[in-house]
Amino acid sequence: MTDKFKIRFECVKAPKPFVGLNGYEQGSVYQGRKYNGMYEISVKWGNGEQTKLIERKLFNEFFQEIDVNEDNKDKRNMSLCV
């Protein structure tokens, strides 16, 4: 069963400490979920740490979504080259 809300995203601009999104580094890729126009994100997704729920405007200021299907497609193509 896949999580249709699951996303991967890249940090394109490191958030300032006063924004409340500590730990994100520019150029790094993270996992999260997107639903109802909100983004649920965490520096270490799935390890029990508290997640943050942020609005699209704030998300777009610091992050960019990576197409999960494109990422899987790249992995499949790479496995064919081996």
PDB file of N, CA and C in Angstrom:
ATOM      1  N   MET A   1       0.843  -1.179   0.000  1.00  0.00           N
ATOM      2  CA  MET A   1       0.000   0.000   0.000  1.00  0.00           C
ATOM      3  C   MET A   1       0.888   1.241   0.000  1.00  0.00           C
ATOM      4  N   THR A   2       0.613   2.145  -0.926  1.00  0.00           N
ATOM      5  CA  THR A   2       1.409   3.362  -0.996  1.00  0.00           C
ATOM      6  C   THR A   2       0.669   4.514  -0.334  1.00  0.00           C
ATOM      7  N   ASP A   3       1.432   5.462   0.127  1.00  0.00           N
ATOM      8  CA  ASP A   3       0.883   6.648   0.763  1.00  0.00           C
ATOM      9  C   ASP A   3       0.734   7.716  -0.312  1.00  0.00           C
ATOM     10  N   LYS A   4      -0.485   7.983  -0.736  1.00  0.00           N
ATOM     11  CA  LYS A   4      -0.694   8.932  -1.835  1.00  0.00           C
ATOM     12  C   LYS A   4      -0.353  10.360  -1.440  1.00  0.00           C
ATOM     13  N   PHE A   5      -0.165  10.629  -0.174  1.00  0.00           N
ATOM     14  CA  PHE A   5       0.163  11.970   0.290  1.00  0.00           C
ATOM     15  C   PHE A   5       1.671  12.177   0.475  1.00  0.00           C
ATOM     16  N   LYS A   6       2.444  11.107   0.323  1.00  0.00           N
ATOM     17  CA  LYS A   6       3.883  11.166   0.551  1.00  0.00           C
ATOM     18  C   LYS A   6       4.559  12.053  -0.492  1.00  0.00           C
ATOM     19  N   ILE A   7       5.512  12.862  -0.035  1.00  0.00           N
ATOM     20  CA  ILE A   7       6.289  13.699  -0.944  1.00  0.00           C
ATOM     21  C   ILE A   7       7.765  13.619  -0.565  1.00  0.00           C
ATOM     22  N   ARG A   8       8.602  13.972  -1.514  1.00  0.00           N
ATOM     23  CA  ARG A   8      10.020  14.201  -1.275  1.00  0.00           C
ATOM     24  C   ARG A   8      10.246  15.650  -1.660  1.00  0.00           C
ATOM     25  N   PHE A   9      11.092  16.316  -0.897  1.00  0.00           N
ATOM     26  CA  PHE A   9      11.328  17.721  -1.202  1.00  0.00           C
ATOM     27  C   PHE A   9      12.767  18.096  -0.895  1.00  0.00           C
ATOM     28  N   GLU A  10      13.243  19.104  -1.613  1.00  0.00           N
ATOM     29  CA  GLU A  10      14.608  19.590  -1.441  1.00  0.00           C
ATOM     30  C   GLU A  10      14.554  20.961  -0.783  1.00  0.00           C
ATOM     31  N   CYS A  11      15.486  21.199   0.103  1.00  0.00           N
ATOM     32  CA  CYS A  11      15.621  22.511   0.734  1.00  0.00           C
ATOM     33  C   CYS A  11      16.397  23.397  -0.239  1.00  0.00           C
ATOM     34  N   VAL A  12      15.750  24.444  -0.762  1.00  0.00           N
ATOM     35  CA  VAL A  12      16.402  25.326  -1.724  1.00  0.00           C
ATOM     36  C   VAL A  12      16.972  26.576  -1.055  1.00  0.00           C
ATOM     37  N   LYS A  13      16.542  26.826   0.174  1.00  0.00           N
ATOM     38  CA  LYS A  13      17.043  27.974   0.937  1.00  0.00           C
ATOM     39  C   LYS A  13      16.907  27.622   2.416  1.00  0.00           C
ATOM     40  N   ALA A  14      18.014  27.614   3.134  1.00  0.00           N
ATOM     41  CA  ALA A  14      17.979  27.241   4.556  1.00  0.00           C
ATOM     42  C   ALA A  14      17.156  28.251   5.351  1.00  0.00           C
ATOM     43  N   PRO A  15      16.153  27.773   6.099  1.00  0.00           N
ATOM     44  CA  PRO A  15      15.337  28.676   6.917  1.00  0.00           C
ATOM     45  C   PRO A  15      16.156  29.319   8.037  1.00  0.00           C
ATOM     46  N   LYS A  16      15.863  30.566   8.325  1.00  0.00           N
ATOM     47  CA  LYS A  16      16.490  31.270   9.449  1.00  0.00           C
ATOM     48  C   LYS A  16      15.942  30.686  10.753  1.00  0.00           C
ATOM     49  N   PRO A  17      16.740  30.699  11.821  1.00  0.00           N
ATOM     50  CA  PRO A  17      16.303  30.113  13.099  1.00  0.00           C
ATOM     51  C   PRO A  17      14.976  30.655  13.633  1.00  0.00           C
ATOM     52  N   PHE A  18      14.682  31.930  13.415  1.00  0.00           N
ATOM     53  CA  PHE A  18      13.449  32.510  13.952  1.00  0.00           C
ATOM     54  C   PHE A  18      12.190  32.015  13.245  1.00  0.00           C
ATOM     55  N   VAL A  19      12.340  31.335  12.102  1.00  0.00           N
ATOM     56  CA  VAL A  19      11.187  30.809  11.370  1.00  0.00           C
ATOM     57  C   VAL A  19      10.619  29.576  12.070  1.00  0.00           C
ATOM     58  N   GLY A  20      11.460  28.861  12.820  1.00  0.00           N
ATOM     59  CA  GLY A  20      11.014  27.674  13.531  1.00  0.00           C
ATOM     60  C   GLY A  20      11.184  26.383  12.761  1.00  0.00           C
ATOM     61  N   LEU A  21      11.932  26.433  11.672  1.00  0.00           N
ATOM     62  CA  LEU A  21      12.196  25.234  10.867  1.00  0.00           C
ATOM     63  C   LEU A  21      13.685  24.900  10.959  1.00  0.00           C
ATOM     64  N   ASN A  22      14.126  24.553  12.131  1.00  0.00           N
ATOM     65  CA  ASN A  22      15.546  24.280  12.370  1.00  0.00           C
ATOM     66  C   ASN A  22      15.960  22.915  11.843  1.00  0.00           C
ATOM     67  N   GLY A  23      17.214  22.825  11.386  1.00  0.00           N
ATOM     68  CA  GLY A  23      17.791  21.556  10.985  1.00  0.00           C
ATOM     69  C   GLY A  23      17.789  21.290   9.494  1.00  0.00           C
ATOM     70  N   TYR A  24      17.080  22.088   8.716  1.00  0.00           N
ATOM     71  CA  TYR A  24      17.044  21.879   7.265  1.00  0.00           C
ATOM     72  C   TYR A  24      18.254  22.540   6.626  1.00  0.00           C
ATOM     73  N   GLU A  25      18.934  21.802   5.735  1.00  0.00           N
ATOM     74  CA  GLU A  25      20.130  22.297   5.072  1.00  0.00           C
ATOM     75  C   GLU A  25      19.892  22.421   3.578  1.00  0.00           C
ATOM     76  N   GLN A  26      20.345  23.524   3.031  1.00  0.00           N
ATOM     77  CA  GLN A  26      20.183  23.773   1.602  1.00  0.00           C
ATOM     78  C   GLN A  26      20.818  22.645   0.790  1.00  0.00           C
ATOM     79  N   GLY A  27      20.082  22.146  -0.200  1.00  0.00           N
ATOM     80  CA  GLY A  27      20.568  21.076  -1.061  1.00  0.00           C
ATOM     81  C   GLY A  27      20.221  19.678  -0.577  1.00  0.00           C
ATOM     82  N   SER A  28      19.749  19.552   0.656  1.00  0.00           N
ATOM     83  CA  SER A  28      19.391  18.230   1.190  1.00  0.00           C
ATOM     84  C   SER A  28      17.948  17.875   0.814  1.00  0.00           C
ATOM     85  N   VAL A  29      17.689  16.571   0.723  1.00  0.00           N
ATOM     86  CA  VAL A  29      16.365  16.065   0.354  1.00  0.00           C
ATOM     87  C   VAL A  29      15.717  15.422   1.572  1.00  0.00           C
ATOM     88  N   TYR A  30      14.421  15.674   1.739  1.00  0.00           N
ATOM     89  CA  TYR A  30      13.668  15.193   2.895  1.00  0.00           C
ATOM     90  C   TYR A  30      12.368  14.550   2.433  1.00  0.00           C
ATOM     91  N   GLN A  31      11.681  13.883   3.368  1.00  0.00           N
ATOM     92  CA  GLN A  31      10.374  13.281   3.102  1.00  0.00           C
ATOM     93  C   GLN A  31       9.327  13.972   3.951  1.00  0.00           C
ATOM     94  N   GLY A  32       8.100  13.891   3.488  1.00  0.00           N
ATOM     95  CA  GLY A  32       6.987  14.460   4.234  1.00  0.00           C
ATOM     96  C   GLY A  32       5.671  14.037   3.609  1.00  0.00           C
ATOM     97  N   ARG A  33       4.626  14.783   3.937  1.00  0.00           N
ATOM     98  CA  ARG A  33       3.292  14.508   3.394  1.00  0.00           C
ATOM     99  C   ARG A  33       2.636  15.837   3.038  1.00  0.00           C
ATOM    100  N   LYS A  34       1.768  15.786   2.041  1.00  0.00           N
ATOM    101  CA  LYS A  34       1.038  16.970   1.608  1.00  0.00           C
ATOM    102  C   LYS A  34      -0.439  16.616   1.488  1.00  0.00           C
ATOM    103  N   TYR A  35      -1.275  17.416   2.134  1.00  0.00           N
ATOM    104  CA  TYR A  35      -2.720  17.213   2.009  1.00  0.00           C
ATOM    105  C   TYR A  35      -3.441  18.481   2.429  1.00  0.00           C
ATOM    106  N   ASN A  36      -4.586  18.727   1.803  1.00  0.00           N
ATOM    107  CA  ASN A  36      -5.425  19.894   2.090  1.00  0.00           C
ATOM    108  C   ASN A  36      -4.649  21.206   2.041  1.00  0.00           C
ATOM    109  N   GLY A  37      -3.688  21.308   1.124  1.00  0.00           N
ATOM    110  CA  GLY A  37      -2.918  22.532   0.976  1.00  0.00           C
ATOM    111  C   GLY A  37      -1.905  22.772   2.069  1.00  0.00           C
ATOM    112  N   MET A  38      -1.679  21.773   2.922  1.00  0.00           N
ATOM    113  CA  MET A  38      -0.716  21.887   4.013  1.00  0.00           C
ATOM    114  C   MET A  38       0.398  20.863   3.796  1.00  0.00           C
ATOM    115  N   TYR A  39       1.545  21.148   4.381  1.00  0.00           N
ATOM    116  CA  TYR A  39       2.700  20.265   4.293  1.00  0.00           C
ATOM    117  C   TYR A  39       3.102  19.822   5.691  1.00  0.00           C
ATOM    118  N   GLU A  40       3.205  18.516   5.880  1.00  0.00           N
ATOM    119  CA  GLU A  40       3.687  17.949   7.139  1.00  0.00           C
ATOM    120  C   GLU A  40       5.126  17.520   6.896  1.00  0.00           C
ATOM    121  N   ILE A  41       6.057  18.175   7.588  1.00  0.00           N
ATOM    122  CA  ILE A  41       7.471  17.943   7.311  1.00  0.00           C
ATOM    123  C   ILE A  41       8.245  17.652   8.599  1.00  0.00           C
ATOM    124  N   SER A  42       9.378  17.001   8.422  1.00  0.00           N
ATOM    125  CA  SER A  42      10.267  16.696   9.532  1.00  0.00           C
ATOM    126  C   SER A  42      11.678  16.510   8.979  1.00  0.00           C
ATOM    127  N   VAL A  43      12.677  16.926   9.729  1.00  0.00           N
ATOM    128  CA  VAL A  43      14.061  16.755   9.296  1.00  0.00           C
ATOM    129  C   VAL A  43      14.381  15.269   9.170  1.00  0.00           C
ATOM    130  N   LYS A  44      13.876  14.461  10.094  1.00  0.00           N
ATOM    131  CA  LYS A  44      14.104  13.008  10.076  1.00  0.00           C
ATOM    132  C   LYS A  44      12.754  12.303  10.091  1.00  0.00           C
ATOM    133  N   TRP A  45      12.170  12.151   8.938  1.00  0.00           N
ATOM    134  CA  TRP A  45      10.841  11.568   8.799  1.00  0.00           C
ATOM    135  C   TRP A  45      10.829  10.109   9.255  1.00  0.00           C
ATOM    136  N   GLY A  46       9.832   9.754  10.061  1.00  0.00           N
ATOM    137  CA  GLY A  46       9.623   8.368  10.438  1.00  0.00           C
ATOM    138  C   GLY A  46      10.420   7.880  11.636  1.00  0.00           C
ATOM    139  N   ASN A  47      11.092   8.761  12.356  1.00  0.00           N
ATOM    140  CA  ASN A  47      11.859   8.296  13.502  1.00  0.00           C
ATOM    141  C   ASN A  47      11.203   8.689  14.826  1.00  0.00           C
ATOM    142  N   GLY A  48       9.977   9.132  14.769  1.00  0.00           N
ATOM    143  CA  GLY A  48       9.247   9.459  15.986  1.00  0.00           C
ATOM    144  C   GLY A  48       9.359  10.907  16.431  1.00  0.00           C
ATOM    145  N   GLU A  49      10.200  11.700  15.746  1.00  0.00           N
ATOM    146  CA  GLU A  49      10.300  13.116  16.090  1.00  0.00           C
ATOM    147  C   GLU A  49       9.032  13.843  15.651  1.00  0.00           C
ATOM    148  N   GLN A  50       8.716  14.901  16.370  1.00  0.00           N
ATOM    149  CA  GLN A  50       7.522  15.677  16.069  1.00  0.00           C
ATOM    150  C   GLN A  50       7.639  16.314  14.685  1.00  0.00           C
ATOM    151  N   THR A  51       6.553  16.281  13.933  1.00  0.00           N
ATOM    152  CA  THR A  51       6.516  16.901  12.618  1.00  0.00           C
ATOM    153  C   THR A  51       5.944  18.309  12.740  1.00  0.00           C
ATOM    154  N   LYS A  52       6.162  19.104  11.703  1.00  0.00           N
ATOM    155  CA  LYS A  52       5.590  20.447  11.637  1.00  0.00           C
ATOM    156  C   LYS A  52       4.596  20.474  10.501  1.00  0.00           C
ATOM    157  N   LEU A  53       3.483  21.152  10.717  1.00  0.00           N
ATOM    158  CA  LEU A  53       2.474  21.339   9.693  1.00  0.00           C
ATOM    159  C   LEU A  53       2.542  22.802   9.267  1.00  0.00           C
ATOM    160  N   ILE A  54       2.906  23.036   7.995  1.00  0.00           N
ATOM    161  CA  ILE A  54       3.075  24.399   7.525  1.00  0.00           C
ATOM    162  C   ILE A  54       2.227  24.650   6.277  1.00  0.00           C
ATOM    163  N   GLU A  55       1.939  25.914   6.018  1.00  0.00           N
ATOM    164  CA  GLU A  55       1.155  26.292   4.843  1.00  0.00           C
ATOM    165  C   GLU A  55       2.020  26.280   3.591  1.00  0.00           C
ATOM    166  N   ARG A  56       1.371  26.190   2.443  1.00  0.00           N
ATOM    167  CA  ARG A  56       2.049  26.125   1.155  1.00  0.00           C
ATOM    168  C   ARG A  56       2.983  27.329   0.943  1.00  0.00           C
ATOM    169  N   LYS A  57       2.558  28.515   1.326  1.00  0.00           N
ATOM    170  CA  LYS A  57       3.365  29.720   1.112  1.00  0.00           C
ATOM    171  C   LYS A  57       4.722  29.602   1.821  1.00  0.00           C
ATOM    172  N   LEU A  58       4.712  29.156   3.067  1.00  0.00           N
ATOM    173  CA  LEU A  58       5.954  28.994   3.819  1.00  0.00           C
ATOM    174  C   LEU A  58       6.797  27.865   3.222  1.00  0.00           C
ATOM    175  N   PHE A  59       6.143  26.767   2.848  1.00  0.00           N
ATOM    176  CA  PHE A  59       6.852  25.645   2.229  1.00  0.00           C
ATOM    177  C   PHE A  59       7.583  26.119   0.972  1.00  0.00           C
ATOM    178  N   ASN A  60       6.883  26.849   0.111  1.00  0.00           N
ATOM    179  CA  ASN A  60       7.461  27.292  -1.162  1.00  0.00           C
ATOM    180  C   ASN A  60       8.605  28.283  -0.980  1.00  0.00           C
ATOM    181  N   GLU A  61       8.667  28.931   0.158  1.00  0.00           N
ATOM    182  CA  GLU A  61       9.751  29.878   0.418  1.00  0.00           C
ATOM    183  C   GLU A  61      11.093  29.165   0.623  1.00  0.00           C
ATOM    184  N   PHE A  62      11.055  27.958   1.169  1.00  0.00           N
ATOM    185  CA  PHE A  62      12.292  27.256   1.522  1.00  0.00           C
ATOM    186  C   PHE A  62      12.491  25.910   0.819  1.00  0.00           C
ATOM    187  N   PHE A  63      11.438  25.336   0.271  1.00  0.00           N
ATOM    188  CA  PHE A  63      11.514  23.974  -0.253  1.00  0.00           C
ATOM    189  C   PHE A  63      10.925  23.868  -1.651  1.00  0.00           C
ATOM    190  N   GLN A  64      11.307  22.783  -2.337  1.00  0.00           N
ATOM    191  CA  GLN A  64      10.765  22.468  -3.652  1.00  0.00           C
ATOM    192  C   GLN A  64      10.459  20.980  -3.699  1.00  0.00           C
ATOM    193  N   GLU A  65       9.251  20.654  -4.127  1.00  0.00           N
ATOM    194  CA  GLU A  65       8.875  19.235  -4.229  1.00  0.00           C
ATOM    195  C   GLU A  65       9.666  18.543  -5.324  1.00  0.00           C
ATOM    196  N   ILE A  66       9.981  17.285  -5.067  1.00  0.00           N
ATOM    197  CA  ILE A  66      10.603  16.411  -6.055  1.00  0.00           C
ATOM    198  C   ILE A  66       9.557  15.377  -6.424  1.00  0.00           C
ATOM    199  N   ASP A  67       9.340  15.182  -7.696  1.00  0.00           N
ATOM    200  CA  ASP A  67       8.336  14.224  -8.155  1.00  0.00           C
ATOM    201  C   ASP A  67       8.760  12.815  -7.742  1.00  0.00           C
ATOM    202  N   VAL A  68       7.988  12.192  -6.852  1.00  0.00           N
ATOM    203  CA  VAL A  68       8.308  10.851  -6.347  1.00  0.00           C
ATOM    204  C   VAL A  68       8.337   9.853  -7.494  1.00  0.00           C
ATOM    205  N   ASN A  69       7.423   9.986  -8.448  1.00  0.00           N
ATOM    206  CA  ASN A  69       7.389   9.061  -9.578  1.00  0.00           C
ATOM    207  C   ASN A  69       8.635   9.207 -10.441  1.00  0.00           C
ATOM    208  N   GLU A  70       9.121  10.434 -10.639  1.00  0.00           N
ATOM    209  CA  GLU A  70      10.345  10.649 -11.405  1.00  0.00           C
ATOM    210  C   GLU A  70      11.530  10.013 -10.702  1.00  0.00           C
ATOM    211  N   ASP A  71      11.573  10.147  -9.386  1.00  0.00           N
ATOM    212  CA  ASP A  71      12.670   9.558  -8.612  1.00  0.00           C
ATOM    213  C   ASP A  71      12.670   8.043  -8.770  1.00  0.00           C
ATOM    214  N   ASN A  72      11.510   7.426  -8.670  1.00  0.00           N
ATOM    215  CA  ASN A  72      11.414   5.969  -8.837  1.00  0.00           C
ATOM    216  C   ASN A  72      11.761   5.561 -10.264  1.00  0.00           C
ATOM    217  N   LYS A  73      11.353   6.382 -11.239  1.00  0.00           N
ATOM    218  CA  LYS A  73      11.659   6.102 -12.628  1.00  0.00           C
ATOM    219  C   LYS A  73      13.170   6.120 -12.844  1.00  0.00           C
ATOM    220  N   ASP A  74      13.854   7.098 -12.247  1.00  0.00           N
ATOM    221  CA  ASP A  74      15.313   7.169 -12.367  1.00  0.00           C
ATOM    222  C   ASP A  74      15.959   5.925 -11.778  1.00  0.00           C
ATOM    223  N   LYS A  75      15.471   5.453 -10.633  1.00  0.00           N
ATOM    224  CA  LYS A  75      16.028   4.251 -10.003  1.00  0.00           C
ATOM    225  C   LYS A  75      15.834   3.034 -10.895  1.00  0.00           C
ATOM    226  N   ARG A  76      14.644   2.922 -11.543  1.00  0.00           N
ATOM    227  CA  ARG A  76      14.388   1.802 -12.439  1.00  0.00           C
ATOM    228  C   ARG A  76      15.334   1.858 -13.642  1.00  0.00           C
ATOM    229  N   ASN A  77      15.519   3.057 -14.188  1.00  0.00           N
ATOM    230  CA  ASN A  77      16.400   3.202 -15.357  1.00  0.00           C
ATOM    231  C   ASN A  77      17.836   2.853 -14.994  1.00  0.00           C
ATOM    232  N   MET A  78      18.277   3.233 -13.794  1.00  0.00           N
ATOM    233  CA  MET A  78      19.634   2.928 -13.368  1.00  0.00           C
ATOM    234  C   MET A  78      19.820   1.427 -13.176  1.00  0.00           C
ATOM    235  N   SER A  79      18.780   0.741 -12.707  1.00  0.00           N
ATOM    236  CA  SER A  79      18.918  -0.694 -12.500  1.00  0.00           C
ATOM    237  C   SER A  79      19.015  -1.438 -13.852  1.00  0.00           C
ATOM    238  N   LEU A  80      18.464  -0.848 -14.895  1.00  0.00           N
ATOM    239  CA  LEU A  80      18.561  -1.460 -16.217  1.00  0.00           C
ATOM    240  C   LEU A  80      19.960  -1.341 -16.787  1.00  0.00           C
ATOM    241  N   CYS A  81      20.708  -0.349 -16.329  1.00  0.00           N
ATOM    242  CA  CYS A  81      22.070  -0.106 -16.850  1.00  0.00           C
ATOM    243  C   CYS A  81      23.103  -1.019 -16.209  1.00  0.00           C
ATOM    244  N   VAL A  82      22.755  -1.687 -15.143  1.00  0.00           N
ATOM    245  CA  VAL A  82      23.729  -2.504 -14.412  1.00  0.00           C
ATOM    246  C   VAL A  82      23.976  -3.810 -15.122  1.00  0.00           C
TER     247      VAL A  82
END
